[in-house]
């Protein structure tokens, strides 16, 4: 592949007006298809991949992530530069997008950096059954006391999750995984754009392949754009075409 200079704006690609709804998935995997190496994705990708993540977050109204990924990757809040904040406000967006975590148990430590290293309190998305469960009252209250927002996802289905975010004004949604959540969304026919970074690492003992969860589903994607960095990391942008 011929390598040409590119920016993270090139990788982000065309965007819809802020009032229009779009769901983007962003992921990194090894050449062996692994979503993680030794439990996390930290060793995958490069500085450009990290910059792309920041760029996609700056586009977003909300960053959606599964509970397991939030814990394994030791999530903190999203960060936006002053210039990005100004651009967001000019577009009618909040200065910084919140992290929205899917949970059924509310089992999160309010002293973790998800709460302490953030400018916007996290959002927790939970099925109504979990919000009504008296056995979880104490866990819920701990999150509320830490200024978290709790949002019902009804029956907890993929469509209910996205509908709940839309209802609360989050039109631009970025999903950062993990594999189970990617599969759940794609299997439900959701997801407009996939940003996929491929690290040129080949290895055995693949713990979890990136798109193996979510049941027996198929999703047809079209490659819109691809670039490669000098260290052979590939950056692909796909758009779903079977909706």
C-alpha atoms as a PDB file:
ATOM      1  CA  UNK A   1       0.000   0.000   0.000  1.00  0.00           C
ATOM      2  CA  UNK A   2       1.286   3.449  -0.893  1.00  0.00           C
ATOM      3  CA  UNK A   3       1.486   5.568   2.237  1.00  0.00           C
ATOM      4  CA  UNK A   4       0.391   9.206   1.974  1.00  0.00           C
ATOM      5  CA  UNK A   5       0.189  11.856   4.698  1.00  0.00           C
ATOM      6  CA  UNK A   6      -3.124  11.916   6.538  1.00  0.00           C
ATOM      7  CA  UNK A   7      -4.739  13.511   9.568  1.00  0.00           C
ATOM      8  CA  UNK A   8      -7.210  12.260  12.148  1.00  0.00           C
ATOM      9  CA  UNK A   9      -9.799  14.440  10.395  1.00  0.00           C
ATOM     10  CA  UNK A  10      -9.214  12.304   7.294  1.00  0.00           C
ATOM     11  CA  UNK A  11      -9.765   9.186   9.402  1.00  0.00           C
ATOM     12  CA  UNK A  12     -12.949  10.616  10.931  1.00  0.00           C
ATOM     13  CA  UNK A  13     -14.317  11.302   7.465  1.00  0.00           C
ATOM     14  CA  UNK A  14     -17.561  13.064   6.563  1.00  0.00           C
ATOM     15  CA  UNK A  15     -19.955  13.858   9.384  1.00  0.00           C
ATOM     16  CA  UNK A  16     -23.656  14.592   9.574  1.00  0.00           C
ATOM     17  CA  UNK A  17     -25.064  17.777  11.159  1.00  0.00           C
ATOM     18  CA  UNK A  18     -25.075  17.533  14.981  1.00  0.00           C
ATOM     19  CA  UNK A  19     -28.866  17.213  15.123  1.00  0.00           C
ATOM     20  CA  UNK A  20     -28.823  14.054  12.987  1.00  0.00           C
ATOM     21  CA  UNK A  21     -28.376  10.699  14.675  1.00  0.00           C
ATOM     22  CA  UNK A  22     -25.348   8.553  13.957  1.00  0.00           C
ATOM     23  CA  UNK A  23     -23.786   5.617  15.772  1.00  0.00           C
ATOM     24  CA  UNK A  24     -20.070   5.043  15.284  1.00  0.00           C
ATOM     25  CA  UNK A  25     -18.120   2.064  16.552  1.00  0.00           C
ATOM     26  CA  UNK A  26     -14.394   2.462  17.163  1.00  0.00           C
ATOM     27  CA  UNK A  27     -12.154  -0.530  17.783  1.00  0.00           C
ATOM     28  CA  UNK A  28      -8.603  -1.828  17.587  1.00  0.00           C
ATOM     29  CA  UNK A  29      -7.504  -5.405  16.997  1.00  0.00           C
ATOM     30  CA  UNK A  30      -4.367  -7.395  16.305  1.00  0.00           C
ATOM     31  CA  UNK A  31      -3.753  -9.025  12.937  1.00  0.00           C
ATOM     32  CA  UNK A  32      -4.797 -12.262  14.656  1.00  0.00           C
ATOM     33  CA  UNK A  33      -8.205 -10.685  15.295  1.00  0.00           C
ATOM     34  CA  UNK A  34      -7.775 -10.225  19.041  1.00  0.00           C
ATOM     35  CA  UNK A  35      -9.614  -7.448  20.839  1.00  0.00           C
ATOM     36  CA  UNK A  36      -7.045  -7.527  23.640  1.00  0.00           C
ATOM     37  CA  UNK A  37      -3.618  -8.875  24.490  1.00  0.00           C
ATOM     38  CA  UNK A  38      -3.104  -9.952  28.099  1.00  0.00           C
ATOM     39  CA  UNK A  39      -6.503  -8.609  29.041  1.00  0.00           C
ATOM     40  CA  UNK A  40      -6.463  -5.098  27.570  1.00  0.00           C
ATOM     41  CA  UNK A  41      -6.088  -3.280  24.260  1.00  0.00           C
ATOM     42  CA  UNK A  42      -3.384  -1.018  25.701  1.00  0.00           C
ATOM     43  CA  UNK A  43      -0.548  -2.586  23.698  1.00  0.00           C
ATOM     44  CA  UNK A  44      -2.442  -2.391  20.394  1.00  0.00           C
ATOM     45  CA  UNK A  45      -2.381   0.572  18.021  1.00  0.00           C
ATOM     46  CA  UNK A  46      -0.055   3.586  18.172  1.00  0.00           C
ATOM     47  CA  UNK A  47      -0.086   7.320  18.840  1.00  0.00           C
ATOM     48  CA  UNK A  48      -2.196   7.958  15.754  1.00  0.00           C
ATOM     49  CA  UNK A  49      -4.784   5.492  17.025  1.00  0.00           C
ATOM     50  CA  UNK A  50      -4.857   7.326  20.358  1.00  0.00           C
ATOM     51  CA  UNK A  51      -5.305  10.626  18.519  1.00  0.00           C
ATOM     52  CA  UNK A  52      -8.124   9.121  16.452  1.00  0.00           C
ATOM     53  CA  UNK A  53      -9.903   8.062  19.635  1.00  0.00           C
ATOM     54  CA  UNK A  54      -9.644  11.631  20.921  1.00  0.00           C
ATOM     55  CA  UNK A  55     -10.979  12.975  17.612  1.00  0.00           C
ATOM     56  CA  UNK A  56     -13.951  10.620  17.549  1.00  0.00           C
ATOM     57  CA  UNK A  57     -14.741  11.454  21.170  1.00  0.00           C
ATOM     58  CA  UNK A  58     -14.643  15.155  20.280  1.00  0.00           C
ATOM     59  CA  UNK A  59     -17.256  14.441  17.582  1.00  0.00           C
ATOM     60  CA  UNK A  60     -19.485  12.570  20.041  1.00  0.00           C
ATOM     61  CA  UNK A  61     -22.360  13.602  22.258  1.00  0.00           C
ATOM     62  CA  UNK A  62     -21.720  10.526  24.413  1.00  0.00           C
ATOM     63  CA  UNK A  63     -19.201   7.675  24.645  1.00  0.00           C
ATOM     64  CA  UNK A  64     -20.852   4.276  25.161  1.00  0.00           C
ATOM     65  CA  UNK A  65     -18.898   1.429  26.756  1.00  0.00           C
ATOM     66  CA  UNK A  66     -19.642  -1.892  28.414  1.00  0.00           C
ATOM     67  CA  UNK A  67     -19.008  -2.356  32.124  1.00  0.00           C
ATOM     68  CA  UNK A  68     -16.319  -4.998  31.617  1.00  0.00           C
ATOM     69  CA  UNK A  69     -14.367  -2.806  29.223  1.00  0.00           C
ATOM     70  CA  UNK A  70     -14.661   0.221  31.498  1.00  0.00           C
ATOM     71  CA  UNK A  71     -13.166  -1.808  34.353  1.00  0.00           C
ATOM     72  CA  UNK A  72     -10.484  -3.640  32.347  1.00  0.00           C
ATOM     73  CA  UNK A  73      -9.276  -0.490  30.612  1.00  0.00           C
ATOM     74  CA  UNK A  74      -9.496   1.608  33.816  1.00  0.00           C
ATOM     75  CA  UNK A  75     -11.668   4.241  32.184  1.00  0.00           C
ATOM     76  CA  UNK A  76     -11.527   7.910  33.075  1.00  0.00           C
ATOM     77  CA  UNK A  77     -13.578  10.745  31.637  1.00  0.00           C
ATOM     78  CA  UNK A  78     -13.237  12.072  28.101  1.00  0.00           C
ATOM     79  CA  UNK A  79     -10.928  15.051  27.592  1.00  0.00           C
ATOM     80  CA  UNK A  80     -11.313  17.884  25.088  1.00  0.00           C
ATOM     81  CA  UNK A  81      -8.879  20.695  24.354  1.00  0.00           C
ATOM     82  CA  UNK A  82     -10.023  24.301  24.677  1.00  0.00           C
ATOM     83  CA  UNK A  83     -10.283  24.618  20.895  1.00  0.00           C
ATOM     84  CA  UNK A  84     -12.370  21.453  20.681  1.00  0.00           C
ATOM     85  CA  UNK A  85     -14.618  22.709  23.467  1.00  0.00           C
ATOM     86  CA  UNK A  86     -15.202  25.935  21.561  1.00  0.00           C
ATOM     87  CA  UNK A  87     -16.024  24.002  18.386  1.00  0.00           C
ATOM     88  CA  UNK A  88     -18.420  21.735  20.261  1.00  0.00           C
ATOM     89  CA  UNK A  89     -20.243  24.615  21.907  1.00  0.00           C
ATOM     90  CA  UNK A  90     -20.510  26.390  18.532  1.00  0.00           C
ATOM     91  CA  UNK A  91     -22.134  23.222  17.153  1.00  0.00           C
ATOM     92  CA  UNK A  92     -24.625  23.181  20.018  1.00  0.00           C
ATOM     93  CA  UNK A  93     -22.937  20.320  21.887  1.00  0.00           C
ATOM     94  CA  UNK A  94     -21.849  20.146  25.512  1.00  0.00           C
ATOM     95  CA  UNK A  95     -18.178  21.122  26.021  1.00  0.00           C
ATOM     96  CA  UNK A  96     -17.195  17.532  26.927  1.00  0.00           C
ATOM     97  CA  UNK A  97     -19.070  14.263  26.234  1.00  0.00           C
ATOM     98  CA  UNK A  98     -19.894  11.986  29.177  1.00  0.00           C
ATOM     99  CA  UNK A  99     -18.915   8.333  29.417  1.00  0.00           C
ATOM    100  CA  UNK A 100     -22.025   6.124  29.436  1.00  0.00           C
ATOM    101  CA  UNK A 101     -21.490   2.683  30.962  1.00  0.00           C
ATOM    102  CA  UNK A 102     -23.816  -0.271  30.514  1.00  0.00           C
ATOM    103  CA  UNK A 103     -24.443  -2.085  33.781  1.00  0.00           C
ATOM    104  CA  UNK A 104     -26.871  -4.409  35.505  1.00  0.00           C
ATOM    105  CA  UNK A 105     -25.156  -4.474  38.895  1.00  0.00           C
ATOM    106  CA  UNK A 106     -24.018  -0.847  39.475  1.00  0.00           C
ATOM    107  CA  UNK A 107     -20.834  -2.403  40.871  1.00  0.00           C
ATOM    108  CA  UNK A 108     -18.443   0.519  40.417  1.00  0.00           C
ATOM    109  CA  UNK A 109     -16.139   2.204  42.887  1.00  0.00           C
ATOM    110  CA  UNK A 110     -16.898   5.942  43.230  1.00  0.00           C
ATOM    111  CA  UNK A 111     -13.237   6.485  44.124  1.00  0.00           C
ATOM    112  CA  UNK A 112     -12.099   5.132  40.725  1.00  0.00           C
ATOM    113  CA  UNK A 113     -10.885   7.515  38.046  1.00  0.00           C
ATOM    114  CA  UNK A 114     -14.126   7.086  36.122  1.00  0.00           C
ATOM    115  CA  UNK A 115     -15.482   9.442  38.791  1.00  0.00           C
ATOM    116  CA  UNK A 116     -12.379  11.299  39.962  1.00  0.00           C
ATOM    117  CA  UNK A 117     -10.532  11.940  36.674  1.00  0.00           C
ATOM    118  CA  UNK A 118     -13.354  13.462  34.689  1.00  0.00           C
ATOM    119  CA  UNK A 119     -14.954  16.810  34.030  1.00  0.00           C
ATOM    120  CA  UNK A 120     -18.400  15.334  33.446  1.00  0.00           C
ATOM    121  CA  UNK A 121     -20.003  12.786  35.805  1.00  0.00           C
ATOM    122  CA  UNK A 122     -20.503   9.359  34.207  1.00  0.00           C
ATOM    123  CA  UNK A 123     -23.841   8.042  33.029  1.00  0.00           C
ATOM    124  CA  UNK A 124     -24.929   4.502  33.861  1.00  0.00           C
ATOM    125  CA  UNK A 125     -27.384   2.746  31.560  1.00  0.00           C
ATOM    126  CA  UNK A 126     -29.301  -0.086  33.188  1.00  0.00           C
ATOM    127  CA  UNK A 127     -32.379  -2.206  32.482  1.00  0.00           C
ATOM    128  CA  UNK A 128     -35.464  -1.068  34.353  1.00  0.00           C
ATOM    129  CA  UNK A 129     -35.424  -4.339  36.293  1.00  0.00           C
ATOM    130  CA  UNK A 130     -32.028  -3.401  37.758  1.00  0.00           C
ATOM    131  CA  UNK A 131     -33.233   0.087  38.611  1.00  0.00           C
ATOM    132  CA  UNK A 132     -36.213  -1.416  40.441  1.00  0.00           C
ATOM    133  CA  UNK A 133     -34.291  -4.181  42.246  1.00  0.00           C
ATOM    134  CA  UNK A 134     -34.323  -3.444  46.007  1.00  0.00           C
ATOM    135  CA  UNK A 135     -31.193  -5.563  46.493  1.00  0.00           C
ATOM    136  CA  UNK A 136     -29.275  -3.065  44.347  1.00  0.00           C
ATOM    137  CA  UNK A 137     -30.522   0.041  46.153  1.00  0.00           C
ATOM    138  CA  UNK A 138     -27.281   0.576  48.071  1.00  0.00           C
ATOM    139  CA  UNK A 139     -25.120   0.205  44.953  1.00  0.00           C
ATOM    140  CA  UNK A 140     -27.343   2.626  43.045  1.00  0.00           C
ATOM    141  CA  UNK A 141     -27.206   5.183  45.836  1.00  0.00           C
ATOM    142  CA  UNK A 142     -23.400   5.099  45.929  1.00  0.00           C
ATOM    143  CA  UNK A 143     -23.324   6.103  42.269  1.00  0.00           C
ATOM    144  CA  UNK A 144     -25.947   8.799  42.755  1.00  0.00           C
ATOM    145  CA  UNK A 145     -24.005  10.194  45.711  1.00  0.00           C
ATOM    146  CA  UNK A 146     -21.012  10.475  43.355  1.00  0.00           C
ATOM    147  CA  UNK A 147     -23.168  12.592  40.982  1.00  0.00           C
ATOM    148  CA  UNK A 148     -23.615   9.840  38.398  1.00  0.00           C
ATOM    149  CA  UNK A 149     -26.729   9.845  36.256  1.00  0.00           C
ATOM    150  CA  UNK A 150     -28.789   6.646  36.014  1.00  0.00           C
ATOM    151  CA  UNK A 151     -30.797   6.063  32.840  1.00  0.00           C
ATOM    152  CA  UNK A 152     -33.236   3.245  32.189  1.00  0.00           C
ATOM    153  CA  UNK A 153     -32.774   1.122  29.074  1.00  0.00           C
ATOM    154  CA  UNK A 154     -36.139  -0.576  29.478  1.00  0.00           C
ATOM    155  CA  UNK A 155     -35.750  -4.231  28.590  1.00  0.00           C
ATOM    156  CA  UNK A 156     -32.006  -3.739  28.026  1.00  0.00           C
ATOM    157  CA  UNK A 157     -32.086  -4.635  24.332  1.00  0.00           C
ATOM    158  CA  UNK A 158     -29.720  -3.008  21.861  1.00  0.00           C
ATOM    159  CA  UNK A 159     -32.447  -0.830  20.375  1.00  0.00           C
ATOM    160  CA  UNK A 160     -33.648   0.181  23.844  1.00  0.00           C
ATOM    161  CA  UNK A 161     -30.114   1.237  24.802  1.00  0.00           C
ATOM    162  CA  UNK A 162     -29.705   3.478  21.765  1.00  0.00           C
ATOM    163  CA  UNK A 163     -33.267   4.811  22.059  1.00  0.00           C
ATOM    164  CA  UNK A 164     -32.586   5.774  25.682  1.00  0.00           C
ATOM    165  CA  UNK A 165     -29.532   7.767  24.645  1.00  0.00           C
ATOM    166  CA  UNK A 166     -31.465   9.483  21.863  1.00  0.00           C
ATOM    167  CA  UNK A 167     -34.260  10.347  24.295  1.00  0.00           C
ATOM    168  CA  UNK A 168     -31.725  12.112  26.501  1.00  0.00           C
ATOM    169  CA  UNK A 169     -30.439  14.208  23.604  1.00  0.00           C
ATOM    170  CA  UNK A 170     -27.390  12.176  22.620  1.00  0.00           C
ATOM    171  CA  UNK A 171     -27.519  12.096  18.812  1.00  0.00           C
ATOM    172  CA  UNK A 172     -23.864  11.404  18.064  1.00  0.00           C
ATOM    173  CA  UNK A 173     -22.997   8.159  19.816  1.00  0.00           C
ATOM    174  CA  UNK A 174     -19.589   6.503  19.839  1.00  0.00           C
ATOM    175  CA  UNK A 175     -19.323   2.911  21.051  1.00  0.00           C
ATOM    176  CA  UNK A 176     -15.908   1.842  22.343  1.00  0.00           C
ATOM    177  CA  UNK A 177     -16.805  -1.780  23.026  1.00  0.00           C
ATOM    178  CA  UNK A 178     -16.042  -4.289  24.188  1.00  0.00           C
ATOM    179  CA  UNK A 179     -16.613  -7.262  21.895  1.00  0.00           C
ATOM    180  CA  UNK A 180     -19.908  -8.231  23.504  1.00  0.00           C
ATOM    181  CA  UNK A 181     -21.353  -4.774  22.965  1.00  0.00           C
ATOM    182  CA  UNK A 182     -20.091  -4.569  19.379  1.00  0.00           C
ATOM    183  CA  UNK A 183     -21.790  -7.883  18.662  1.00  0.00           C
ATOM    184  CA  UNK A 184     -25.001  -6.856  20.395  1.00  0.00           C
ATOM    185  CA  UNK A 185     -25.279  -3.670  18.352  1.00  0.00           C
ATOM    186  CA  UNK A 186     -24.240  -5.157  15.007  1.00  0.00           C
ATOM    187  CA  UNK A 187     -26.455  -8.175  15.578  1.00  0.00           C
ATOM    188  CA  UNK A 188     -29.413  -5.837  16.095  1.00  0.00           C
ATOM    189  CA  UNK A 189     -28.753  -4.040  12.830  1.00  0.00           C
ATOM    190  CA  UNK A 190     -27.273  -0.990  14.554  1.00  0.00           C
ATOM    191  CA  UNK A 191     -24.068   0.899  13.820  1.00  0.00           C
ATOM    192  CA  UNK A 192     -23.531   3.315  10.933  1.00  0.00           C
ATOM    193  CA  UNK A 193     -19.743   3.657  10.814  1.00  0.00           C
ATOM    194  CA  UNK A 194     -16.920   1.430  12.055  1.00  0.00           C
ATOM    195  CA  UNK A 195     -13.464   2.859  12.696  1.00  0.00           C
ATOM    196  CA  UNK A 196     -11.174  -0.166  12.820  1.00  0.00           C
ATOM    197  CA  UNK A 197      -7.471   0.044  13.628  1.00  0.00           C
ATOM    198  CA  UNK A 198      -5.471  -3.082  12.761  1.00  0.00           C
ATOM    199  CA  UNK A 199      -2.199  -3.583  14.613  1.00  0.00           C
ATOM    200  CA  UNK A 200       0.310  -5.754  12.663  1.00  0.00           C
ATOM    201  CA  UNK A 201       0.774  -8.134  15.584  1.00  0.00           C
ATOM    202  CA  UNK A 202       0.329 -11.835  14.858  1.00  0.00           C
ATOM    203  CA  UNK A 203       0.080 -14.103  17.891  1.00  0.00           C
ATOM    204  CA  UNK A 204      -1.404 -17.305  19.200  1.00  0.00           C
ATOM    205  CA  UNK A 205      -3.686 -17.801  22.178  1.00  0.00           C
ATOM    206  CA  UNK A 206      -6.291 -15.288  21.053  1.00  0.00           C
ATOM    207  CA  UNK A 207      -8.341 -14.549  24.158  1.00  0.00           C
ATOM    208  CA  UNK A 208     -11.343 -12.864  22.554  1.00  0.00           C
ATOM    209  CA  UNK A 209     -11.816 -12.056  18.899  1.00  0.00           C
ATOM    210  CA  UNK A 210     -13.200  -8.605  18.271  1.00  0.00           C
ATOM    211  CA  UNK A 211     -16.544  -9.529  16.744  1.00  0.00           C
ATOM    212  CA  UNK A 212     -17.114 -13.044  18.057  1.00  0.00           C
ATOM    213  CA  UNK A 213     -19.823 -12.143  20.581  1.00  0.00           C
ATOM    214  CA  UNK A 214     -23.445 -11.285  19.909  1.00  0.00           C
ATOM    215  CA  UNK A 215     -24.744 -14.547  18.515  1.00  0.00           C
ATOM    216  CA  UNK A 216     -25.103 -15.717  14.933  1.00  0.00           C
ATOM    217  CA  UNK A 217     -25.311 -12.405  13.086  1.00  0.00           C
ATOM    218  CA  UNK A 218     -24.014 -11.012   9.811  1.00  0.00           C
ATOM    219  CA  UNK A 219     -23.360  -7.393   8.888  1.00  0.00           C
ATOM    220  CA  UNK A 220     -22.217  -6.174   5.487  1.00  0.00           C
ATOM    221  CA  UNK A 221     -19.798  -3.232   5.558  1.00  0.00           C
ATOM    222  CA  UNK A 222     -18.292  -1.113   2.791  1.00  0.00           C
ATOM    223  CA  UNK A 223     -14.748   0.209   3.061  1.00  0.00           C
ATOM    224  CA  UNK A 224     -14.852   4.006   2.749  1.00  0.00           C
ATOM    225  CA  UNK A 225     -11.264   4.857   3.552  1.00  0.00           C
ATOM    226  CA  UNK A 226      -7.984   3.236   4.565  1.00  0.00           C
ATOM    227  CA  UNK A 227      -4.587   4.590   5.555  1.00  0.00           C
ATOM    228  CA  UNK A 228      -1.403   3.051   6.935  1.00  0.00           C
ATOM    229  CA  UNK A 229       1.147   4.628   9.234  1.00  0.00           C
ATOM    230  CA  UNK A 230       4.903   4.188   8.890  1.00  0.00           C
ATOM    231  CA  UNK A 231       4.833   1.345  11.436  1.00  0.00           C
ATOM    232  CA  UNK A 232       2.276  -0.580   9.335  1.00  0.00           C
ATOM    233  CA  UNK A 233      -0.731   0.072  11.554  1.00  0.00           C
ATOM    234  CA  UNK A 234      -3.822   0.276   9.338  1.00  0.00           C
ATOM    235  CA  UNK A 235      -6.745   2.620   9.857  1.00  0.00           C
ATOM    236  CA  UNK A 236      -9.939   1.534   8.142  1.00  0.00           C
ATOM    237  CA  UNK A 237     -13.293   3.285   8.034  1.00  0.00           C
ATOM    238  CA  UNK A 238     -16.282   1.166   7.075  1.00  0.00           C
ATOM    239  CA  UNK A 239     -19.907   2.116   6.577  1.00  0.00           C
ATOM    240  CA  UNK A 240     -22.746  -0.314   7.059  1.00  0.00           C
ATOM    241  CA  UNK A 241     -24.624  -0.973   3.816  1.00  0.00           C
ATOM    242  CA  UNK A 242     -27.232  -3.593   4.778  1.00  0.00           C
ATOM    243  CA  UNK A 243     -29.523  -1.339   6.826  1.00  0.00           C
END
